[in-house]
Each structure stands twice: as structure tokens, then as C-alpha cells.
Amino acid sequence: MEPAKSSKIKKAVIPVAGLGIRFLPVTKAVPKELLPVVDKPILMFIVEEAYRAGIEEIILVQGRGKEAIINFFDTSYELEETLEKSGRLHLLDEVLEIRNKVKVVSIRQQKAMGLGHAVLTARPVIENNPFAVLLGDEILLSKRNELSAIGQLCALFEETRTSSVAVMPVSDEDVPRYGIIKAEQQKENLWKILDVIEKPNLAEAPSRLALPGRYVFDAKIFDYLERAKPGKNGEIQLTDSMAELAKSHGMYATQVKAQRFDAGDKLGFLKANVEVGLEHPDFGPEFKRYLKELVGGL
């Protein structure tokens, strides 16, 4: 799982402070980021995406009651010793590789004040470096021989020296669920962002290009987040500061090449389990036969 390309973006922020309300009651005890997609937590897919981009430090911004998240990346002496003695340490290979090659740190968001505030909380660790942001419930899967989704944005940032974000086209009915950009197309699959609107109604939406939760920012974004006032839902919205940064320093948007699952949504979570299960080397073909039989009997 070596990085596909060395990146100048070495730090990434993953906000994991959400309450997981859409997955209650299980998320009363288990962080939604640790819910399994087959045999791997949602968060592991996201951390692997960052690692494949050459990112060396992950900053988890978490709230109270989510200590299990940072514990997942910590050493488990008893378990690792037991697996090693039984010759089954390979069961933890991916976790151990991440732990040995990526620094994972945790910062507490003292109060849930929105995504913008969560990103701002990471400023002491990011300092003045450009950095990536990956939302903790969005899974973007790319082929092993290609750049990961966030790796594609890192490459665009390095080419343009300008903050760059992923966008995707959405249907009219999905517009109110996302941040939506107003933009001028520069060339194929590249837009210059003019404005960003958080979850507009259909009449207010300047386009059908939505933000699926992958960003690479210049550290200047922190200056706007520091001054930001609470917006929609009384929260510090990341999109408000993105709009200011785009107008003053520029910002680009592109569609990344990856298969996307909204794993924070029950249906999206189920789809991710099916798709990942079908590709599983141990039981993928058998699972496919089962699904064919199941659907054929409906």
C-alpha cells in the first residue's frame, strides 16, 4: 500500500466529532467512523486514502465520548502478541502499516460548532502548512494503481499553488444536502470557484456541482475561519470561509476519479458494504452468487 506519489501536502485533518445521529442507537456507544464496511472501519478507508497520497500526519478532530477512535490506531499489546504467537498477525497488517508510517494525533473539539470550527481546531498542529481535509463519513475508492482521491487534489494544488476541492454533479433533489459552488469552467474538469453556498434551496443554487468532502487548503483559510460568524444552523460553516478564500486568493474545483459512498447515510453505508464485499478476495464470488439468487427470488 505504498503511496502512489510523493506529495508536498504532508498533513491532513479528519473531523470525527459528529454525533452520528443518523445511525442511532448503535452510535450511542460506537463512533460512526468505526462502523465496519465488511471488515474495516469507515475511518480506515479514509486514512488509507490520505496515506496513499503521501500524507504523513493525520489530525483527528474529535469530541467527547470518541476515545475509541484514537485507541483504534494505538498499540494493542495483548491482541498483537496473541496474533503473533498464533501466526496470524497478518490480520492486522493494514492497521500496523498505517501506525508505523503515519503519525496519527487527536485534538479535542470542546464544543460542536460546525465543520469550520472543527478545521480551525487543528490550526496549532497544521501551523502555516497547506493541508488536506477529508470528511470522516465519506468513502472515496480509487484503483490501486491510480492516485487516491485526495492525492488527485494534492497534485492539483502542487500544480496551481491554489486551494483545490473536489466536486460532483448532483440531482435537483439532492442540492439542499450539500455545499454548492458557483464557478467558471477553465478547461475540461477544472473550474474556478466564485462562490460557495451551504445547502441552498433549489432556487438559490448557482449550479449542480456539490462538495463531497475532499479539500486541500492553503493555510490562509485559517484567517477566515478565525473571523467567521455562525451561519446556517448557528454553526461556523467551512463553506463561508471557502467563499472568502476563493474571492481573495482563488480556489479551484475538479471531479476526482473515484467511487464515492456517503457512509454517514444508512443507504450509502449499505451500498458500500455490498460493493466492497463483492471485491473481497476471500468471499467476493460467493457473495455475488448469493446476491444473484436473492434478487432473482424477489
C-alpha atoms as a PDB file:
ATOM      1  CA  MET A   1       0.000   0.000   0.000  1.00  0.00           C
ATOM      2  CA  GLU A   2       2.903   2.354  -0.687  1.00  0.00           C
ATOM      3  CA  PRO A   3       1.968   5.942  -1.654  1.00  0.00           C
ATOM      4  CA  ALA A   4       1.418   6.279  -5.395  1.00  0.00           C
ATOM      5  CA  LYS A   5       3.302   9.582  -5.455  1.00  0.00           C
ATOM      6  CA  SER A   6       5.271  11.741  -3.063  1.00  0.00           C
ATOM      7  CA  SER A   7       3.226  14.783  -2.067  1.00  0.00           C
ATOM      8  CA  LYS A   8       4.166  18.183  -0.690  1.00  0.00           C
ATOM      9  CA  ILE A   9       0.951  18.011   1.340  1.00  0.00           C
ATOM     10  CA  LYS A  10       2.081  16.186   4.462  1.00  0.00           C
ATOM     11  CA  LYS A  11      -0.770  16.845   6.910  1.00  0.00           C
ATOM     12  CA  ALA A  12      -4.452  16.007   6.789  1.00  0.00           C
ATOM     13  CA  VAL A  13      -7.372  16.875   9.053  1.00  0.00           C
ATOM     14  CA  ILE A  14     -10.190  14.382   9.525  1.00  0.00           C
ATOM     15  CA  PRO A  15     -13.113  15.766  11.581  1.00  0.00           C
ATOM     16  CA  VAL A  16     -14.658  12.923  13.591  1.00  0.00           C
ATOM     17  CA  ALA A  17     -16.606  14.853  16.229  1.00  0.00           C
ATOM     18  CA  GLY A  18     -20.102  14.252  14.838  1.00  0.00           C
ATOM     19  CA  LEU A  19     -22.757  12.601  16.993  1.00  0.00           C
ATOM     20  CA  GLY A  20     -23.761  10.019  14.389  1.00  0.00           C
ATOM     21  CA  ILE A  21     -27.441  10.766  14.882  1.00  0.00           C
ATOM     22  CA  ARG A  22     -28.453   9.049  11.636  1.00  0.00           C
ATOM     23  CA  PHE A  23     -27.105   5.749  12.991  1.00  0.00           C
ATOM     24  CA  LEU A  24     -28.655   5.773  16.440  1.00  0.00           C
ATOM     25  CA  PRO A  25     -28.956   3.745  18.590  1.00  0.00           C
ATOM     26  CA  VAL A  26     -25.661   1.969  17.708  1.00  0.00           C
ATOM     27  CA  THR A  27     -23.703   5.254  17.686  1.00  0.00           C
ATOM     28  CA  LYS A  28     -24.648   5.907  21.303  1.00  0.00           C
ATOM     29  CA  ALA A  29     -21.797   3.507  22.129  1.00  0.00           C
ATOM     30  CA  VAL A  30     -19.803   3.128  18.883  1.00  0.00           C
ATOM     31  CA  PRO A  31     -18.485   6.105  16.858  1.00  0.00           C
ATOM     32  CA  LYS A  32     -19.976   6.004  13.365  1.00  0.00           C
ATOM     33  CA  GLU A  33     -16.437   6.317  11.950  1.00  0.00           C
ATOM     34  CA  LEU A  34     -15.669   2.857  13.376  1.00  0.00           C
ATOM     35  CA  LEU A  35     -18.722   1.146  11.905  1.00  0.00           C
ATOM     36  CA  PRO A  36     -17.427  -1.672   9.682  1.00  0.00           C
ATOM     37  CA  VAL A  37     -17.596  -1.793   5.924  1.00  0.00           C
ATOM     38  CA  VAL A  38     -17.218  -5.581   5.710  1.00  0.00           C
ATOM     39  CA  ASP A  39     -14.111  -5.995   7.917  1.00  0.00           C
ATOM     40  CA  LYS A  40     -12.659  -2.489   8.005  1.00  0.00           C
ATOM     41  CA  PRO A  41     -13.918   0.658   9.792  1.00  0.00           C
ATOM     42  CA  ILE A  42     -15.131   3.568   7.675  1.00  0.00           C
ATOM     43  CA  LEU A  43     -12.291   5.694   9.053  1.00  0.00           C
ATOM     44  CA  MET A  44      -9.647   3.207   7.926  1.00  0.00           C
ATOM     45  CA  PHE A  45     -10.629   3.682   4.275  1.00  0.00           C
ATOM     46  CA  ILE A  46     -10.210   7.443   4.691  1.00  0.00           C
ATOM     47  CA  VAL A  47      -6.846   7.220   6.457  1.00  0.00           C
ATOM     48  CA  GLU A  48      -5.589   4.838   3.767  1.00  0.00           C
ATOM     49  CA  GLU A  49      -6.670   7.320   1.084  1.00  0.00           C
ATOM     50  CA  ALA A  50      -4.582  10.019   2.782  1.00  0.00           C
ATOM     51  CA  TYR A  51      -1.606   7.692   3.243  1.00  0.00           C
ATOM     52  CA  ARG A  52      -1.655   6.713  -0.424  1.00  0.00           C
ATOM     53  CA  ALA A  53      -1.351  10.428  -1.250  1.00  0.00           C
ATOM     54  CA  GLY A  54       1.929  10.670   0.665  1.00  0.00           C
ATOM     55  CA  ILE A  55       0.419  12.328   3.722  1.00  0.00           C
ATOM     56  CA  GLU A  56       2.486  11.657   6.838  1.00  0.00           C
ATOM     57  CA  GLU A  57       0.410  13.122   9.680  1.00  0.00           C
ATOM     58  CA  ILE A  58      -3.307  12.691  10.375  1.00  0.00           C
ATOM     59  CA  ILE A  59      -5.041  15.068  12.779  1.00  0.00           C
ATOM     60  CA  LEU A  60      -8.290  13.634  14.117  1.00  0.00           C
ATOM     61  CA  VAL A  61     -10.601  16.340  15.465  1.00  0.00           C
ATOM     62  CA  GLN A  62     -12.885  14.515  17.860  1.00  0.00           C
ATOM     63  CA  GLY A  63     -15.462  15.228  20.522  1.00  0.00           C
ATOM     64  CA  ARG A  64     -16.242  13.721  23.894  1.00  0.00           C
ATOM     65  CA  GLY A  65     -17.015  10.028  24.039  1.00  0.00           C
ATOM     66  CA  LYS A  66     -14.978   9.125  20.965  1.00  0.00           C
ATOM     67  CA  GLU A  67     -11.795   7.862  22.590  1.00  0.00           C
ATOM     68  CA  ALA A  68     -12.287   4.548  20.792  1.00  0.00           C
ATOM     69  CA  ILE A  69     -11.213   6.239  17.549  1.00  0.00           C
ATOM     70  CA  ILE A  70      -7.680   7.126  18.632  1.00  0.00           C
ATOM     71  CA  ASN A  71      -7.490   3.808  20.517  1.00  0.00           C
ATOM     72  CA  PHE A  72      -8.028   2.009  17.219  1.00  0.00           C
ATOM     73  CA  PHE A  73      -4.659   3.318  15.971  1.00  0.00           C
ATOM     74  CA  ASP A  74      -2.879   2.703  19.273  1.00  0.00           C
ATOM     75  CA  THR A  75      -0.876  -0.382  20.199  1.00  0.00           C
ATOM     76  CA  SER A  76      -2.897  -3.336  21.486  1.00  0.00           C
ATOM     77  CA  TYR A  77      -0.213  -5.396  23.194  1.00  0.00           C
ATOM     78  CA  GLU A  78      -2.345  -8.364  24.227  1.00  0.00           C
ATOM     79  CA  LEU A  79      -4.065  -8.738  20.856  1.00  0.00           C
ATOM     80  CA  GLU A  80      -0.897  -8.266  18.808  1.00  0.00           C
ATOM     81  CA  GLU A  81       1.043 -10.715  20.985  1.00  0.00           C
ATOM     82  CA  THR A  82      -1.728 -13.299  20.695  1.00  0.00           C
ATOM     83  CA  LEU A  83      -1.917 -12.960  16.910  1.00  0.00           C
ATOM     84  CA  GLU A  84       1.870 -13.080  16.573  1.00  0.00           C
ATOM     85  CA  LYS A  85       2.125 -16.277  18.617  1.00  0.00           C
ATOM     86  CA  SER A  86      -0.586 -17.914  16.527  1.00  0.00           C
ATOM     87  CA  GLY A  87       0.980 -16.784  13.253  1.00  0.00           C
ATOM     88  CA  ARG A  88      -1.992 -14.568  12.356  1.00  0.00           C
ATOM     89  CA  LEU A  89      -0.523 -11.090  12.681  1.00  0.00           C
ATOM     90  CA  HIS A  90      -1.433 -10.590   9.004  1.00  0.00           C
ATOM     91  CA  LEU A  91      -4.974  -9.917  10.233  1.00  0.00           C
ATOM     92  CA  LEU A  92      -3.736  -6.538  11.467  1.00  0.00           C
ATOM     93  CA  ASP A  93      -1.254  -5.830   8.674  1.00  0.00           C
ATOM     94  CA  GLU A  94      -3.058  -2.789   7.273  1.00  0.00           C
ATOM     95  CA  VAL A  95      -3.537  -1.167  10.669  1.00  0.00           C
ATOM     96  CA  LEU A  96       0.085  -1.820  11.643  1.00  0.00           C
ATOM     97  CA  GLU A  97       1.379  -0.400   8.366  1.00  0.00           C
ATOM     98  CA  ILE A  98      -0.578   2.813   8.890  1.00  0.00           C
ATOM     99  CA  ARG A  99       0.519   3.065  12.515  1.00  0.00           C
ATOM    100  CA  ASN A 100       4.183   2.550  11.665  1.00  0.00           C
ATOM    101  CA  LYS A 101       4.312   5.014   8.760  1.00  0.00           C
ATOM    102  CA  VAL A 102       1.755   7.722   9.585  1.00  0.00           C
ATOM    103  CA  LYS A 103       1.607   9.853  12.695  1.00  0.00           C
ATOM    104  CA  VAL A 104      -1.972   9.926  13.995  1.00  0.00           C
ATOM    105  CA  VAL A 105      -2.788  12.569  16.605  1.00  0.00           C
ATOM    106  CA  SER A 106      -6.037  13.622  18.229  1.00  0.00           C
ATOM    107  CA  ILE A 107      -7.305  17.090  19.093  1.00  0.00           C
ATOM    108  CA  ARG A 108     -10.449  17.648  21.144  1.00  0.00           C
ATOM    109  CA  GLN A 109     -13.161  19.916  19.758  1.00  0.00           C
ATOM    110  CA  GLN A 110     -14.561  21.166  23.035  1.00  0.00           C
ATOM    111  CA  LYS A 111     -17.956  22.097  21.606  1.00  0.00           C
ATOM    112  CA  ALA A 112     -19.698  21.022  18.408  1.00  0.00           C
ATOM    113  CA  MET A 113     -19.748  24.315  16.497  1.00  0.00           C
ATOM    114  CA  GLY A 114     -19.674  23.109  12.913  1.00  0.00           C
ATOM    115  CA  LEU A 115     -17.221  21.838  10.334  1.00  0.00           C
ATOM    116  CA  GLY A 116     -15.444  25.175  10.011  1.00  0.00           C
ATOM    117  CA  HIS A 117     -14.752  25.245  13.736  1.00  0.00           C
ATOM    118  CA  ALA A 118     -13.524  21.635  13.627  1.00  0.00           C
ATOM    119  CA  VAL A 119     -10.991  22.507  10.922  1.00  0.00           C
ATOM    120  CA  LEU A 120      -9.903  25.624  12.829  1.00  0.00           C
ATOM    121  CA  THR A 121      -9.282  23.468  15.923  1.00  0.00           C
ATOM    122  CA  ALA A 122      -6.415  21.781  14.053  1.00  0.00           C
ATOM    123  CA  ARG A 123      -4.539  25.049  13.414  1.00  0.00           C
ATOM    124  CA  PRO A 124      -1.919  24.571  16.188  1.00  0.00           C
ATOM    125  CA  VAL A 125      -0.791  21.330  14.540  1.00  0.00           C
ATOM    126  CA  ILE A 126      -1.078  22.485  10.922  1.00  0.00           C
ATOM    127  CA  GLU A 127       0.653  25.838  11.577  1.00  0.00           C
ATOM    128  CA  ASN A 128       1.336  27.581   8.229  1.00  0.00           C
ATOM    129  CA  ASN A 129       1.420  24.498   6.049  1.00  0.00           C
ATOM    130  CA  PRO A 130      -1.004  23.644   3.263  1.00  0.00           C
ATOM    131  CA  PHE A 131      -3.146  20.704   4.322  1.00  0.00           C
ATOM    132  CA  ALA A 132      -5.861  18.296   3.281  1.00  0.00           C
ATOM    133  CA  VAL A 133      -9.295  17.833   4.821  1.00  0.00           C
ATOM    134  CA  LEU A 134     -11.195  14.562   4.466  1.00  0.00           C
ATOM    135  CA  LEU A 135     -14.657  14.170   5.949  1.00  0.00           C
ATOM    136  CA  GLY A 136     -14.926  11.186   8.256  1.00  0.00           C
ATOM    137  CA  ASP A 137     -18.036   9.603   6.731  1.00  0.00           C
ATOM    138  CA  GLU A 138     -17.256   9.896   3.017  1.00  0.00           C
ATOM    139  CA  ILE A 139     -15.527   6.919   1.388  1.00  0.00           C
ATOM    140  CA  LEU A 140     -13.857   7.561  -1.984  1.00  0.00           C
ATOM    141  CA  LEU A 141     -12.280   4.468  -3.504  1.00  0.00           C
ATOM    142  CA  SER A 142      -9.815   4.666  -6.381  1.00  0.00           C
ATOM    143  CA  LYS A 143      -7.953   1.881  -8.149  1.00  0.00           C
ATOM    144  CA  ARG A 144      -4.721   0.723  -6.545  1.00  0.00           C
ATOM    145  CA  ASN A 145      -2.584   1.802  -9.491  1.00  0.00           C
ATOM    146  CA  GLU A 146      -4.059   5.316  -9.537  1.00  0.00           C
ATOM    147  CA  LEU A 147      -3.784   8.335  -7.264  1.00  0.00           C
ATOM    148  CA  SER A 148      -6.238   8.324  -4.388  1.00  0.00           C
ATOM    149  CA  ALA A 149      -8.999  10.925  -4.432  1.00  0.00           C
ATOM    150  CA  ILE A 150      -7.196  13.268  -2.057  1.00  0.00           C
ATOM    151  CA  GLY A 151      -3.953  12.517  -3.917  1.00  0.00           C
ATOM    152  CA  GLN A 152      -5.525  13.957  -7.066  1.00  0.00           C
ATOM    153  CA  LEU A 153      -6.340  17.178  -5.203  1.00  0.00           C
ATOM    154  CA  CYS A 154      -2.820  17.306  -3.767  1.00  0.00           C
ATOM    155  CA  ALA A 155      -1.456  17.060  -7.303  1.00  0.00           C
ATOM    156  CA  LEU A 156      -3.730  19.896  -8.458  1.00  0.00           C
ATOM    157  CA  PHE A 157      -2.632  22.072  -5.536  1.00  0.00           C
ATOM    158  CA  GLU A 158       1.009  21.441  -6.310  1.00  0.00           C
ATOM    159  CA  GLU A 159       0.414  22.365  -9.947  1.00  0.00           C
ATOM    160  CA  THR A 160      -1.579  25.554  -9.273  1.00  0.00           C
ATOM    161  CA  ARG A 161      -0.377  26.546  -5.760  1.00  0.00           C
ATOM    162  CA  THR A 162      -4.048  27.302  -5.110  1.00  0.00           C
ATOM    163  CA  SER A 163      -6.557  25.721  -2.746  1.00  0.00           C
ATOM    164  CA  SER A 164      -8.399  22.942  -4.557  1.00  0.00           C
ATOM    165  CA  VAL A 165     -11.550  20.981  -3.749  1.00  0.00           C
ATOM    166  CA  ALA A 166     -13.454  18.025  -5.129  1.00  0.00           C
ATOM    167  CA  VAL A 167     -16.899  18.494  -6.654  1.00  0.00           C
ATOM    168  CA  MET A 168     -19.531  16.152  -8.024  1.00  0.00           C
ATOM    169  CA  PRO A 169     -22.749  16.694 -10.001  1.00  0.00           C
ATOM    170  CA  VAL A 170     -25.943  16.106  -8.024  1.00  0.00           C
ATOM    171  CA  SER A 171     -29.613  15.905  -8.873  1.00  0.00           C
ATOM    172  CA  ASP A 172     -32.032  18.749  -8.132  1.00  0.00           C
ATOM    173  CA  GLU A 173     -33.458  16.875  -5.156  1.00  0.00           C
ATOM    174  CA  ASP A 174     -30.005  16.447  -3.584  1.00  0.00           C
ATOM    175  CA  VAL A 175     -28.955  20.114  -3.905  1.00  0.00           C
ATOM    176  CA  PRO A 176     -30.189  21.107  -0.387  1.00  0.00           C
ATOM    177  CA  ARG A 177     -27.991  18.404   1.179  1.00  0.00           C
ATOM    178  CA  TYR A 178     -24.630  19.846   0.090  1.00  0.00           C
ATOM    179  CA  GLY A 179     -22.452  22.891  -0.231  1.00  0.00           C
ATOM    180  CA  ILE A 180     -22.854  24.064  -3.839  1.00  0.00           C
ATOM    181  CA  ILE A 181     -20.315  26.080  -5.839  1.00  0.00           C
ATOM    182  CA  LYS A 182     -20.698  28.939  -8.273  1.00  0.00           C
ATOM    183  CA  ALA A 183     -17.868  28.629 -10.756  1.00  0.00           C
ATOM    184  CA  GLU A 184     -16.401  29.422 -14.163  1.00  0.00           C
ATOM    185  CA  GLN A 185     -15.107  26.468 -16.151  1.00  0.00           C
ATOM    186  CA  GLN A 186     -11.443  26.959 -17.104  1.00  0.00           C
ATOM    187  CA  LYS A 187     -10.990  23.775 -19.096  1.00  0.00           C
ATOM    188  CA  GLU A 188     -12.198  20.203 -19.042  1.00  0.00           C
ATOM    189  CA  ASN A 189     -12.747  19.123 -15.434  1.00  0.00           C
ATOM    190  CA  LEU A 190     -11.402  22.347 -13.923  1.00  0.00           C
ATOM    191  CA  TRP A 191     -13.469  25.192 -12.509  1.00  0.00           C
ATOM    192  CA  LYS A 192     -12.505  28.473 -10.833  1.00  0.00           C
ATOM    193  CA  ILE A 193     -14.732  28.906  -7.791  1.00  0.00           C
ATOM    194  CA  LEU A 194     -16.522  32.260  -7.488  1.00  0.00           C
ATOM    195  CA  ASP A 195     -18.733  31.479  -4.500  1.00  0.00           C
ATOM    196  CA  VAL A 196     -19.831  28.639  -2.211  1.00  0.00           C
ATOM    197  CA  ILE A 197     -23.303  28.342  -0.700  1.00  0.00           C
ATOM    198  CA  GLU A 198     -24.092  25.985   2.168  1.00  0.00           C
ATOM    199  CA  LYS A 199     -27.100  23.744   1.489  1.00  0.00           C
ATOM    200  CA  PRO A 200     -29.099  26.170  -0.658  1.00  0.00           C
ATOM    201  CA  ASN A 201     -32.650  25.559  -1.747  1.00  0.00           C
ATOM    202  CA  LEU A 202     -33.013  24.748  -5.407  1.00  0.00           C
ATOM    203  CA  ALA A 203     -33.901  28.311  -6.428  1.00  0.00           C
ATOM    204  CA  GLU A 204     -30.763  29.706  -4.751  1.00  0.00           C
ATOM    205  CA  ALA A 205     -28.337  27.104  -6.100  1.00  0.00           C
ATOM    206  CA  PRO A 206     -25.866  28.584  -8.637  1.00  0.00           C
ATOM    207  CA  SER A 207     -25.027  25.151 -10.108  1.00  0.00           C
ATOM    208  CA  ARG A 208     -25.451  21.436  -9.532  1.00  0.00           C
ATOM    209  CA  LEU A 209     -21.809  20.967  -8.510  1.00  0.00           C
ATOM    210  CA  ALA A 210     -21.643  19.823  -4.889  1.00  0.00           C
ATOM    211  CA  LEU A 211     -18.859  19.306  -2.361  1.00  0.00           C
ATOM    212  CA  PRO A 212     -18.388  15.614  -1.421  1.00  0.00           C
ATOM    213  CA  GLY A 213     -15.918  16.263   1.405  1.00  0.00           C
ATOM    214  CA  ARG A 214     -12.388  16.399  -0.012  1.00  0.00           C
ATOM    215  CA  TYR A 215     -10.325  19.596   0.184  1.00  0.00           C
ATOM    216  CA  VAL A 216      -6.734  20.833   0.004  1.00  0.00           C
ATOM    217  CA  PHE A 217      -6.307  24.281   1.531  1.00  0.00           C
ATOM    218  CA  ASP A 218      -3.671  26.929   1.762  1.00  0.00           C
ATOM    219  CA  ALA A 219      -3.189  27.810   5.450  1.00  0.00           C
ATOM    220  CA  LYS A 220      -4.785  31.210   4.732  1.00  0.00           C
ATOM    221  CA  ILE A 221      -8.163  29.510   5.229  1.00  0.00           C
ATOM    222  CA  PHE A 222      -7.498  29.713   8.980  1.00  0.00           C
ATOM    223  CA  ASP A 223      -7.556  33.525   8.920  1.00  0.00           C
ATOM    224  CA  TYR A 224     -11.085  33.476   7.536  1.00  0.00           C
ATOM    225  CA  LEU A 225     -12.207  30.752   9.930  1.00  0.00           C
ATOM    226  CA  GLU A 226     -10.901  32.811  12.859  1.00  0.00           C
ATOM    227  CA  ARG A 227     -13.142  35.725  11.848  1.00  0.00           C
ATOM    228  CA  ALA A 228     -16.130  33.652  10.768  1.00  0.00           C
ATOM    229  CA  LYS A 229     -19.521  34.272  12.353  1.00  0.00           C
ATOM    230  CA  PRO A 230     -22.032  31.494  12.957  1.00  0.00           C
ATOM    231  CA  GLY A 231     -24.051  30.847   9.815  1.00  0.00           C
ATOM    232  CA  LYS A 232     -26.682  28.260   8.921  1.00  0.00           C
ATOM    233  CA  ASN A 233     -27.801  26.235  11.990  1.00  0.00           C
ATOM    234  CA  GLY A 234     -25.761  28.563  14.225  1.00  0.00           C
ATOM    235  CA  GLU A 235     -22.518  26.804  13.237  1.00  0.00           C
ATOM    236  CA  ILE A 236     -19.198  28.011  11.858  1.00  0.00           C
ATOM    237  CA  GLN A 237     -19.588  26.828   8.283  1.00  0.00           C
ATOM    238  CA  LEU A 238     -16.476  25.839   6.346  1.00  0.00           C
ATOM    239  CA  THR A 239     -18.188  26.908   3.127  1.00  0.00           C
ATOM    240  CA  ASP A 240     -18.460  30.538   4.282  1.00  0.00           C
ATOM    241  CA  SER A 241     -14.696  30.798   4.730  1.00  0.00           C
ATOM    242  CA  MET A 242     -14.126  28.888   1.489  1.00  0.00           C
ATOM    243  CA  ALA A 243     -16.130  31.553  -0.323  1.00  0.00           C
ATOM    244  CA  GLU A 244     -13.975  34.306   1.204  1.00  0.00           C
ATOM    245  CA  LEU A 245     -10.755  32.476   0.385  1.00  0.00           C
ATOM    246  CA  ALA A 246     -11.891  31.852  -3.188  1.00  0.00           C
ATOM    247  CA  LYS A 247     -12.664  35.536  -3.751  1.00  0.00           C
ATOM    248  CA  SER A 248      -9.402  36.814  -2.275  1.00  0.00           C
ATOM    249  CA  HIS A 249      -6.824  34.131  -3.130  1.00  0.00           C
ATOM    250  CA  GLY A 250      -8.533  31.832  -5.616  1.00  0.00           C
ATOM    251  CA  MET A 251      -9.771  28.271  -5.422  1.00  0.00           C
ATOM    252  CA  TYR A 252     -10.171  25.503  -7.992  1.00  0.00           C
ATOM    253  CA  ALA A 253     -12.600  22.617  -8.226  1.00  0.00           C
ATOM    254  CA  THR A 254     -12.313  19.305 -10.042  1.00  0.00           C
ATOM    255  CA  GLN A 255     -14.129  15.986 -10.196  1.00  0.00           C
ATOM    256  CA  VAL A 256     -11.843  13.339  -8.760  1.00  0.00           C
ATOM    257  CA  LYS A 257     -11.728   9.876 -10.251  1.00  0.00           C
ATOM    258  CA  ALA A 258     -13.070   7.611  -7.513  1.00  0.00           C
ATOM    259  CA  GLN A 259     -16.107   5.604  -6.457  1.00  0.00           C
ATOM    260  CA  ARG A 260     -17.905   7.511  -3.724  1.00  0.00           C
ATOM    261  CA  PHE A 261     -20.085   6.287  -0.868  1.00  0.00           C
ATOM    262  CA  ASP A 262     -21.842   8.501   1.686  1.00  0.00           C
ATOM    263  CA  ALA A 263     -21.174   6.135   4.567  1.00  0.00           C
ATOM    264  CA  GLY A 264     -22.809   8.537   7.027  1.00  0.00           C
ATOM    265  CA  ASP A 265     -26.150   7.688   5.416  1.00  0.00           C
ATOM    266  CA  LYS A 266     -27.759   4.291   6.041  1.00  0.00           C
ATOM    267  CA  LEU A 267     -28.379   3.531   2.374  1.00  0.00           C
ATOM    268  CA  GLY A 268     -24.897   4.729   1.386  1.00  0.00           C
ATOM    269  CA  PHE A 269     -23.413   2.591   4.151  1.00  0.00           C
ATOM    270  CA  LEU A 270     -25.261  -0.490   2.895  1.00  0.00           C
ATOM    271  CA  LYS A 271     -24.139   0.180  -0.679  1.00  0.00           C
ATOM    272  CA  ALA A 272     -20.527   0.466   0.475  1.00  0.00           C
ATOM    273  CA  ASN A 273     -20.760  -2.890   2.247  1.00  0.00           C
ATOM    274  CA  VAL A 274     -22.178  -4.566  -0.846  1.00  0.00           C
ATOM    275  CA  GLU A 275     -19.634  -3.053  -3.259  1.00  0.00           C
ATOM    276  CA  VAL A 276     -16.644  -3.729  -1.018  1.00  0.00           C
ATOM    277  CA  GLY A 277     -17.965  -7.200  -0.214  1.00  0.00           C
ATOM    278  CA  LEU A 278     -18.200  -8.068  -3.911  1.00  0.00           C
ATOM    279  CA  GLU A 279     -14.496  -7.224  -4.317  1.00  0.00           C
ATOM    280  CA  HIS A 280     -13.347  -9.108  -1.214  1.00  0.00           C
ATOM    281  CA  PRO A 281     -10.707 -11.716  -2.175  1.00  0.00           C
ATOM    282  CA  ASP A 282     -11.942 -14.303   0.342  1.00  0.00           C
ATOM    283  CA  PHE A 283     -15.661 -14.428  -0.436  1.00  0.00           C
ATOM    284  CA  GLY A 284     -16.459 -11.939  -3.227  1.00  0.00           C
ATOM    285  CA  PRO A 285     -17.529 -14.518  -5.863  1.00  0.00           C
ATOM    286  CA  GLU A 286     -19.652 -16.465  -3.356  1.00  0.00           C
ATOM    287  CA  PHE A 287     -21.288 -13.218  -2.171  1.00  0.00           C
ATOM    288  CA  LYS A 288     -22.064 -12.306  -5.784  1.00  0.00           C
ATOM    289  CA  ARG A 289     -23.776 -15.664  -6.331  1.00  0.00           C
ATOM    290  CA  TYR A 290     -25.802 -15.139  -3.164  1.00  0.00           C
ATOM    291  CA  LEU A 291     -26.957 -11.683  -4.266  1.00  0.00           C
ATOM    292  CA  LYS A 292     -27.983 -13.013  -7.686  1.00  0.00           C
ATOM    293  CA  GLU A 293     -30.019 -15.747  -6.043  1.00  0.00           C
ATOM    294  CA  LEU A 294     -31.560 -13.292  -3.601  1.00  0.00           C
ATOM    295  CA  VAL A 295     -32.537 -10.735  -6.237  1.00  0.00           C
ATOM    296  CA  GLY A 296     -33.753 -13.465  -8.566  1.00  0.00           C
ATOM    297  CA  GLY A 297     -36.134 -14.685  -5.875  1.00  0.00           C
ATOM    298  CA  LEU A 298     -37.722 -11.287  -5.261  1.00  0.00           C
END
